[in-house]
Amino acid sequence: MLMDVMMPNVDGLTAARIIRALDRPDAETVPILALTANAFAEDARKCLDAGMNAHLAKPLNMPLVKAAIAKFTQHSTTV
C-alpha cells in the first residue's frame, strides 16, 4: 500500500496505526510504504514507528519505489 503521509482528515501516520490495529489476519503484514515530502531522519522514524514498512521521500525516485515495492511484496523489480 502506498500511503501519502499528508492526507486531509486522517493523516498517513494515523491511517497506518488504524490499519495495523484492525482485527484482520493481514493487518500486521500488509506492506505500507510512506510517500512524503518530509525527508528528514526523524520523519522516516515517525513513519516506521506508526507501523509503515518504508519511507519514500518526494520527489519520488522511481527505481527506489520499485525496489521498495519488490522488497515488501517479494516480487522482481523488472516490469
N, C-alpha and C. Protein backbone atom coordinates (compact mmCIF):
# COMPACT_ATOMS: atom_id res chain seq x y z
N MET A 1 0.84 -1.15 0.00
CA MET A 1 0.00 0.00 0.00
C MET A 1 0.90 1.23 0.00
N LEU A 2 0.64 2.14 -0.92
CA LEU A 2 1.37 3.41 -0.95
C LEU A 2 0.54 4.41 -0.15
N MET A 3 1.12 4.96 0.91
CA MET A 3 0.39 5.82 1.84
C MET A 3 0.98 7.22 1.83
N ASP A 4 0.18 8.19 1.39
CA ASP A 4 0.60 9.58 1.49
C ASP A 4 0.51 10.00 2.95
N VAL A 5 1.57 10.58 3.47
CA VAL A 5 1.59 10.96 4.88
C VAL A 5 0.71 12.18 5.14
N MET A 6 0.62 13.10 4.20
CA MET A 6 -0.10 14.36 4.40
C MET A 6 -1.48 14.33 3.73
N MET A 7 -2.36 13.49 4.20
CA MET A 7 -3.71 13.42 3.66
C MET A 7 -4.65 14.27 4.51
N PRO A 8 -5.73 14.77 3.91
CA PRO A 8 -6.71 15.51 4.71
C PRO A 8 -7.52 14.55 5.59
N ASN A 9 -8.10 15.07 6.63
CA ASN A 9 -8.95 14.32 7.57
C ASN A 9 -8.16 13.35 8.43
N VAL A 10 -7.59 12.32 7.84
CA VAL A 10 -6.78 11.35 8.59
C VAL A 10 -5.41 11.31 7.92
N ASP A 11 -4.37 11.73 8.64
CA ASP A 11 -3.03 11.70 8.05
C ASP A 11 -2.53 10.26 7.91
N GLY A 12 -1.51 10.09 7.12
CA GLY A 12 -1.00 8.76 6.84
C GLY A 12 -0.47 8.01 8.05
N LEU A 13 0.09 8.73 9.02
CA LEU A 13 0.58 8.08 10.23
C LEU A 13 -0.58 7.48 11.02
N THR A 14 -1.65 8.25 11.15
CA THR A 14 -2.83 7.75 11.86
C THR A 14 -3.47 6.60 11.08
N ALA A 15 -3.56 6.75 9.77
CA ALA A 15 -4.14 5.69 8.94
C ALA A 15 -3.36 4.39 9.09
N ALA A 16 -2.03 4.48 9.11
CA ALA A 16 -1.21 3.28 9.27
C ALA A 16 -1.47 2.62 10.62
N ARG A 17 -1.56 3.42 11.67
CA ARG A 17 -1.86 2.87 13.00
C ARG A 17 -3.23 2.18 13.03
N ILE A 18 -4.20 2.80 12.37
CA ILE A 18 -5.55 2.21 12.31
C ILE A 18 -5.51 0.88 11.56
N ILE A 19 -4.81 0.85 10.44
CA ILE A 19 -4.70 -0.40 9.66
C ILE A 19 -4.03 -1.48 10.49
N ARG A 20 -2.94 -1.15 11.15
CA ARG A 20 -2.22 -2.15 11.94
C ARG A 20 -3.06 -2.68 13.11
N ALA A 21 -4.00 -1.89 13.59
CA ALA A 21 -4.83 -2.30 14.72
C ALA A 21 -6.08 -3.06 14.32
N LEU A 22 -6.34 -3.17 13.02
CA LEU A 22 -7.55 -3.87 12.57
C LEU A 22 -7.53 -5.33 12.99
N ASP A 23 -8.69 -5.88 13.20
CA ASP A 23 -8.83 -7.29 13.57
C ASP A 23 -8.96 -8.11 12.29
N ARG A 24 -7.88 -8.18 11.55
CA ARG A 24 -7.81 -8.93 10.29
C ARG A 24 -6.48 -9.66 10.25
N PRO A 25 -6.42 -10.81 9.62
CA PRO A 25 -5.17 -11.56 9.59
C PRO A 25 -4.04 -10.84 8.85
N ASP A 26 -4.38 -9.98 7.88
CA ASP A 26 -3.34 -9.31 7.11
C ASP A 26 -2.99 -7.92 7.63
N ALA A 27 -3.64 -7.47 8.67
CA ALA A 27 -3.43 -6.10 9.18
C ALA A 27 -1.99 -5.86 9.63
N GLU A 28 -1.36 -6.86 10.16
CA GLU A 28 0.01 -6.70 10.64
C GLU A 28 1.05 -6.90 9.54
N THR A 29 0.66 -7.50 8.43
CA THR A 29 1.64 -7.86 7.42
C THR A 29 1.52 -7.11 6.10
N VAL A 30 0.38 -6.46 5.85
CA VAL A 30 0.24 -5.74 4.59
C VAL A 30 1.33 -4.67 4.52
N PRO A 31 2.09 -4.62 3.44
CA PRO A 31 3.14 -3.60 3.34
C PRO A 31 2.54 -2.20 3.20
N ILE A 32 3.04 -1.27 3.99
CA ILE A 32 2.63 0.13 3.90
C ILE A 32 3.88 0.96 3.67
N LEU A 33 3.94 1.62 2.53
CA LEU A 33 5.09 2.44 2.17
C LEU A 33 4.70 3.91 2.23
N ALA A 34 5.38 4.68 3.05
CA ALA A 34 5.09 6.10 3.22
C ALA A 34 5.62 6.90 2.05
N LEU A 35 4.78 7.79 1.52
CA LEU A 35 5.19 8.74 0.50
C LEU A 35 5.05 10.12 1.11
N THR A 36 6.14 10.87 1.17
CA THR A 36 6.09 12.16 1.85
C THR A 36 7.17 13.11 1.36
N ALA A 37 6.87 14.39 1.44
CA ALA A 37 7.88 15.41 1.14
C ALA A 37 8.79 15.63 2.34
N ASN A 38 8.41 15.11 3.49
CA ASN A 38 9.21 15.25 4.71
C ASN A 38 10.34 14.21 4.67
N ALA A 39 11.55 14.68 4.44
CA ALA A 39 12.65 13.76 4.15
C ALA A 39 13.70 13.64 5.25
N PHE A 40 13.46 14.23 6.41
CA PHE A 40 14.44 14.13 7.49
C PHE A 40 14.37 12.76 8.16
N ALA A 41 15.46 12.39 8.82
CA ALA A 41 15.53 11.09 9.51
C ALA A 41 14.41 10.96 10.53
N GLU A 42 14.08 12.05 11.22
CA GLU A 42 13.01 11.99 12.23
C GLU A 42 11.65 11.71 11.57
N ASP A 43 11.46 12.20 10.35
CA ASP A 43 10.22 11.92 9.62
C ASP A 43 10.13 10.44 9.26
N ALA A 44 11.24 9.88 8.81
CA ALA A 44 11.28 8.45 8.49
C ALA A 44 10.99 7.63 9.74
N ARG A 45 11.56 8.03 10.87
CA ARG A 45 11.35 7.30 12.13
C ARG A 45 9.89 7.34 12.53
N LYS A 46 9.22 8.48 12.37
CA LYS A 46 7.80 8.59 12.71
C LYS A 46 6.98 7.62 11.85
N CYS A 47 7.33 7.50 10.59
CA CYS A 47 6.61 6.58 9.70
C CYS A 47 6.80 5.13 10.16
N LEU A 48 8.02 4.77 10.45
CA LEU A 48 8.30 3.41 10.90
C LEU A 48 7.64 3.13 12.24
N ASP A 49 7.67 4.11 13.13
CA ASP A 49 7.03 3.94 14.44
C ASP A 49 5.52 3.80 14.33
N ALA A 50 4.93 4.36 13.27
CA ALA A 50 3.49 4.26 13.05
C ALA A 50 3.11 2.91 12.43
N GLY A 51 4.11 2.10 12.08
CA GLY A 51 3.83 0.79 11.53
C GLY A 51 4.05 0.66 10.03
N MET A 52 4.57 1.71 9.42
CA MET A 52 4.87 1.62 8.00
C MET A 52 6.16 0.85 7.80
N ASN A 53 6.30 0.26 6.63
CA ASN A 53 7.46 -0.57 6.36
C ASN A 53 8.64 0.21 5.78
N ALA A 54 8.33 1.32 5.10
CA ALA A 54 9.39 2.10 4.46
C ALA A 54 8.95 3.54 4.33
N HIS A 55 9.93 4.41 4.14
CA HIS A 55 9.72 5.85 3.99
C HIS A 55 10.34 6.25 2.65
N LEU A 56 9.52 6.78 1.75
CA LEU A 56 10.00 7.21 0.44
C LEU A 56 9.73 8.70 0.30
N ALA A 57 10.81 9.46 0.15
CA ALA A 57 10.70 10.92 0.08
C ALA A 57 10.37 11.38 -1.34
N LYS A 58 9.54 12.43 -1.41
CA LYS A 58 9.22 13.08 -2.68
C LYS A 58 10.27 14.15 -2.94
N PRO A 59 10.61 14.44 -4.18
CA PRO A 59 10.09 13.78 -5.37
C PRO A 59 10.56 12.33 -5.42
N LEU A 60 9.68 11.49 -5.85
CA LEU A 60 9.95 10.05 -5.83
C LEU A 60 11.03 9.66 -6.83
N ASN A 61 11.91 8.80 -6.38
CA ASN A 61 12.92 8.19 -7.23
C ASN A 61 12.34 6.83 -7.62
N MET A 62 11.87 6.70 -8.85
CA MET A 62 11.13 5.50 -9.24
C MET A 62 11.91 4.20 -9.09
N PRO A 63 13.21 4.16 -9.36
CA PRO A 63 13.92 2.90 -9.07
C PRO A 63 13.85 2.52 -7.58
N LEU A 64 13.92 3.52 -6.68
CA LEU A 64 13.80 3.22 -5.25
C LEU A 64 12.38 2.77 -4.89
N VAL A 65 11.39 3.39 -5.50
CA VAL A 65 10.00 2.99 -5.27
C VAL A 65 9.80 1.55 -5.72
N LYS A 66 10.27 1.22 -6.91
CA LYS A 66 10.13 -0.15 -7.42
C LYS A 66 10.86 -1.15 -6.53
N ALA A 67 12.04 -0.76 -6.07
CA ALA A 67 12.81 -1.66 -5.20
C ALA A 67 12.10 -1.89 -3.87
N ALA A 68 11.51 -0.84 -3.32
CA ALA A 68 10.78 -0.98 -2.05
C ALA A 68 9.55 -1.86 -2.23
N ILE A 69 8.83 -1.65 -3.32
CA ILE A 69 7.65 -2.49 -3.59
C ILE A 69 8.08 -3.94 -3.74
N ALA A 70 9.15 -4.17 -4.49
CA ALA A 70 9.64 -5.54 -4.68
C ALA A 70 10.07 -6.15 -3.36
N LYS A 71 10.77 -5.38 -2.54
CA LYS A 71 11.26 -5.90 -1.25
C LYS A 71 10.12 -6.36 -0.35
N PHE A 72 9.05 -5.56 -0.30
CA PHE A 72 7.98 -5.87 0.64
C PHE A 72 6.87 -6.71 0.04
N THR A 73 6.95 -7.00 -1.26
CA THR A 73 5.97 -7.89 -1.88
C THR A 73 6.63 -9.14 -2.45
N GLN A 74 7.94 -9.21 -2.31
CA GLN A 74 8.72 -10.35 -2.80
C GLN A 74 8.53 -10.59 -4.28
N HIS A 75 8.47 -9.49 -5.05
CA HIS A 75 8.40 -9.56 -6.49
C HIS A 75 9.64 -8.95 -7.11
N SER A 76 9.91 -9.34 -8.33
CA SER A 76 11.03 -8.79 -9.08
C SER A 76 10.79 -7.31 -9.39
N THR A 77 11.88 -6.54 -9.52
CA THR A 77 11.75 -5.13 -9.88
C THR A 77 11.60 -4.93 -11.37
N THR A 78 11.67 -5.99 -12.17
CA THR A 78 11.51 -5.84 -13.62
C THR A 78 10.03 -5.79 -13.96
N VAL A 79 9.72 -5.03 -14.99
CA VAL A 79 8.31 -4.89 -15.39
C VAL A 79 8.03 -5.73 -16.61
